[in-house]
Amino acid sequence: MISHFQWKPLFDNTQIPGWRFSFFFKGTGYHGIYHKDGQIEWSSELPTSEYEEQLKSQIHELMLFHVYE
């Protein structure tokens, strides 16, 4: 499960979509950019293929809740 999830706008002008995010998963810190089309660009090491789809799904849910609510 993702813990300590944080996000902030990528640009000062909040009219331009894009967000930086960070979180911890299984003791490892991850960060990246969430684009307006839902694409995730990892800025840290990539999660293992075993967990990547699970993490992407959780990130999408969290971003929908925090940004689009």
N, C-alpha and C. Protein backbone atom coordinates (compact mmCIF):
# COMPACT_ATOMS: atom_id res chain seq x y z
N MET A 1 0.84 -1.19 0.00
CA MET A 1 0.00 0.00 0.00
C MET A 1 0.89 1.25 0.00
N ILE A 2 0.47 2.25 -0.74
CA ILE A 2 1.17 3.53 -0.81
C ILE A 2 1.02 4.27 0.52
N SER A 3 2.09 4.90 0.98
CA SER A 3 2.00 5.73 2.18
C SER A 3 2.67 7.06 1.92
N HIS A 4 2.29 8.05 2.69
CA HIS A 4 2.85 9.41 2.63
C HIS A 4 2.75 10.00 1.22
N PHE A 5 1.58 9.82 0.58
CA PHE A 5 1.37 10.34 -0.76
C PHE A 5 1.26 11.86 -0.71
N GLN A 6 2.02 12.54 -1.56
CA GLN A 6 1.98 14.00 -1.65
C GLN A 6 1.94 14.38 -3.12
N TRP A 7 1.30 15.51 -3.40
CA TRP A 7 1.26 16.02 -4.76
C TRP A 7 1.26 17.54 -4.73
N LYS A 8 1.69 18.15 -5.82
CA LYS A 8 1.61 19.60 -5.96
C LYS A 8 1.60 19.92 -7.45
N PRO A 9 1.04 21.06 -7.82
CA PRO A 9 1.01 21.44 -9.24
C PRO A 9 2.42 21.53 -9.81
N LEU A 10 2.55 21.13 -11.05
CA LEU A 10 3.82 21.15 -11.74
C LEU A 10 4.22 22.58 -12.11
N PHE A 11 3.23 23.42 -12.35
CA PHE A 11 3.47 24.80 -12.77
C PHE A 11 2.84 25.76 -11.77
N ASP A 12 3.39 26.96 -11.67
CA ASP A 12 2.83 27.98 -10.78
C ASP A 12 1.43 28.37 -11.21
N ASN A 13 1.21 28.41 -12.51
CA ASN A 13 -0.10 28.75 -13.04
C ASN A 13 -0.95 27.49 -12.98
N THR A 14 -1.91 27.43 -12.08
CA THR A 14 -2.70 26.22 -11.89
C THR A 14 -3.63 25.94 -13.06
N GLN A 15 -3.69 26.83 -14.05
CA GLN A 15 -4.50 26.59 -15.24
C GLN A 15 -3.86 25.53 -16.14
N ILE A 16 -2.54 25.34 -16.00
CA ILE A 16 -1.83 24.35 -16.80
C ILE A 16 -1.77 23.05 -16.00
N PRO A 17 -2.40 21.99 -16.52
CA PRO A 17 -2.42 20.73 -15.77
C PRO A 17 -1.07 20.00 -15.78
N GLY A 18 -0.81 19.31 -14.73
CA GLY A 18 0.41 18.54 -14.53
C GLY A 18 0.77 18.62 -13.06
N TRP A 19 1.15 17.51 -12.46
CA TRP A 19 1.41 17.48 -11.03
C TRP A 19 2.62 16.62 -10.71
N ARG A 20 3.39 17.04 -9.73
CA ARG A 20 4.48 16.22 -9.18
C ARG A 20 3.88 15.41 -8.03
N PHE A 21 4.34 14.18 -7.90
CA PHE A 21 3.86 13.36 -6.79
C PHE A 21 5.04 12.61 -6.18
N SER A 22 4.84 12.20 -4.94
CA SER A 22 5.82 11.35 -4.27
C SER A 22 5.10 10.49 -3.25
N PHE A 23 5.69 9.35 -2.95
CA PHE A 23 5.11 8.43 -1.98
C PHE A 23 6.15 7.37 -1.61
N PHE A 24 5.82 6.58 -0.61
CA PHE A 24 6.64 5.45 -0.22
C PHE A 24 5.84 4.17 -0.44
N PHE A 25 6.55 3.13 -0.87
CA PHE A 25 5.94 1.83 -1.06
C PHE A 25 6.97 0.78 -0.70
N LYS A 26 6.64 -0.04 0.28
CA LYS A 26 7.54 -1.10 0.76
C LYS A 26 8.92 -0.55 1.13
N GLY A 27 8.93 0.62 1.78
CA GLY A 27 10.17 1.21 2.27
C GLY A 27 11.00 1.96 1.24
N THR A 28 10.51 2.05 0.01
CA THR A 28 11.24 2.76 -1.05
C THR A 28 10.46 4.00 -1.44
N GLY A 29 11.18 5.11 -1.61
CA GLY A 29 10.55 6.35 -2.04
C GLY A 29 10.48 6.43 -3.55
N TYR A 30 9.35 6.88 -4.06
CA TYR A 30 9.15 7.05 -5.50
C TYR A 30 8.63 8.46 -5.75
N HIS A 31 8.96 9.00 -6.91
CA HIS A 31 8.40 10.29 -7.29
C HIS A 31 8.35 10.37 -8.80
N GLY A 32 7.48 11.28 -9.26
CA GLY A 32 7.31 11.41 -10.69
C GLY A 32 6.37 12.54 -11.03
N ILE A 33 5.92 12.51 -12.27
CA ILE A 33 5.01 13.53 -12.79
C ILE A 33 3.76 12.83 -13.29
N TYR A 34 2.62 13.37 -12.90
CA TYR A 34 1.34 12.88 -13.37
C TYR A 34 0.83 13.88 -14.40
N HIS A 35 0.71 13.44 -15.65
CA HIS A 35 0.28 14.33 -16.72
C HIS A 35 -1.25 14.37 -16.82
N LYS A 36 -1.77 15.40 -17.48
CA LYS A 36 -3.22 15.60 -17.56
C LYS A 36 -3.94 14.44 -18.24
N ASP A 37 -3.25 13.69 -19.09
CA ASP A 37 -3.88 12.55 -19.76
C ASP A 37 -3.76 11.27 -18.95
N GLY A 38 -3.24 11.36 -17.72
CA GLY A 38 -3.11 10.20 -16.85
C GLY A 38 -1.80 9.45 -16.99
N GLN A 39 -0.95 9.91 -17.91
CA GLN A 39 0.35 9.28 -18.09
C GLN A 39 1.23 9.57 -16.87
N ILE A 40 1.97 8.57 -16.44
CA ILE A 40 2.87 8.71 -15.30
C ILE A 40 4.30 8.65 -15.81
N GLU A 41 5.06 9.67 -15.49
CA GLU A 41 6.47 9.75 -15.85
C GLU A 41 7.27 9.63 -14.55
N TRP A 42 7.98 8.53 -14.41
CA TRP A 42 8.74 8.29 -13.18
C TRP A 42 10.01 9.13 -13.18
N SER A 43 10.26 9.84 -12.08
CA SER A 43 11.50 10.62 -11.91
C SER A 43 12.48 9.86 -11.04
N SER A 44 12.01 8.84 -10.38
CA SER A 44 12.86 8.01 -9.52
C SER A 44 13.08 6.68 -10.23
N GLU A 45 13.65 5.75 -9.51
CA GLU A 45 13.77 4.42 -10.09
C GLU A 45 12.37 3.87 -10.34
N LEU A 46 12.24 3.04 -11.36
CA LEU A 46 10.95 2.45 -11.68
C LEU A 46 10.59 1.38 -10.66
N PRO A 47 9.30 1.28 -10.34
CA PRO A 47 8.90 0.16 -9.49
C PRO A 47 9.10 -1.15 -10.26
N THR A 48 9.24 -2.23 -9.54
CA THR A 48 9.39 -3.51 -10.22
C THR A 48 8.13 -3.81 -11.03
N SER A 49 8.31 -4.57 -12.09
CA SER A 49 7.18 -4.90 -12.96
C SER A 49 6.06 -5.61 -12.19
N GLU A 50 6.43 -6.28 -11.12
CA GLU A 50 5.45 -6.97 -10.28
C GLU A 50 4.45 -6.00 -9.67
N TYR A 51 4.89 -4.79 -9.33
CA TYR A 51 4.03 -3.83 -8.63
C TYR A 51 3.67 -2.60 -9.46
N GLU A 52 4.24 -2.44 -10.64
CA GLU A 52 4.05 -1.19 -11.39
C GLU A 52 2.58 -0.91 -11.71
N GLU A 53 1.84 -1.89 -12.22
CA GLU A 53 0.43 -1.67 -12.56
C GLU A 53 -0.41 -1.37 -11.32
N GLN A 54 -0.13 -2.06 -10.24
CA GLN A 54 -0.84 -1.82 -8.98
C GLN A 54 -0.60 -0.39 -8.51
N LEU A 55 0.64 0.07 -8.58
CA LEU A 55 0.96 1.43 -8.13
C LEU A 55 0.33 2.47 -9.05
N LYS A 56 0.36 2.24 -10.35
CA LYS A 56 -0.27 3.18 -11.29
C LYS A 56 -1.76 3.31 -10.99
N SER A 57 -2.41 2.21 -10.72
CA SER A 57 -3.83 2.24 -10.41
C SER A 57 -4.10 3.04 -9.14
N GLN A 58 -3.29 2.83 -8.12
CA GLN A 58 -3.46 3.57 -6.86
C GLN A 58 -3.18 5.06 -7.05
N ILE A 59 -2.18 5.39 -7.86
CA ILE A 59 -1.87 6.81 -8.13
C ILE A 59 -3.04 7.46 -8.86
N HIS A 60 -3.60 6.79 -9.86
CA HIS A 60 -4.76 7.34 -10.58
C HIS A 60 -5.91 7.61 -9.62
N GLU A 61 -6.20 6.67 -8.74
CA GLU A 61 -7.29 6.86 -7.78
C GLU A 61 -7.02 8.04 -6.86
N LEU A 62 -5.80 8.15 -6.36
CA LEU A 62 -5.45 9.25 -5.46
C LEU A 62 -5.51 10.59 -6.17
N MET A 63 -5.03 10.66 -7.41
CA MET A 63 -5.07 11.92 -8.15
C MET A 63 -6.51 12.31 -8.47
N LEU A 64 -7.34 11.34 -8.83
CA LEU A 64 -8.75 11.66 -9.08
C LEU A 64 -9.40 12.24 -7.83
N PHE A 65 -9.11 11.65 -6.70
CA PHE A 65 -9.67 12.12 -5.44
C PHE A 65 -9.18 13.51 -5.07
N HIS A 66 -7.87 13.75 -5.16
CA HIS A 66 -7.29 15.01 -4.69
C HIS A 66 -7.41 16.15 -5.70
N VAL A 67 -7.27 15.87 -6.96
CA VAL A 67 -7.22 16.95 -7.96
C VAL A 67 -8.57 17.22 -8.58
N TYR A 68 -9.28 16.18 -8.94
CA TYR A 68 -10.51 16.36 -9.71
C TYR A 68 -11.77 16.40 -8.87
N GLU A 69 -11.68 16.24 -7.58
CA GLU A 69 -12.85 16.33 -6.69
C GLU A 69 -13.26 17.76 -6.54
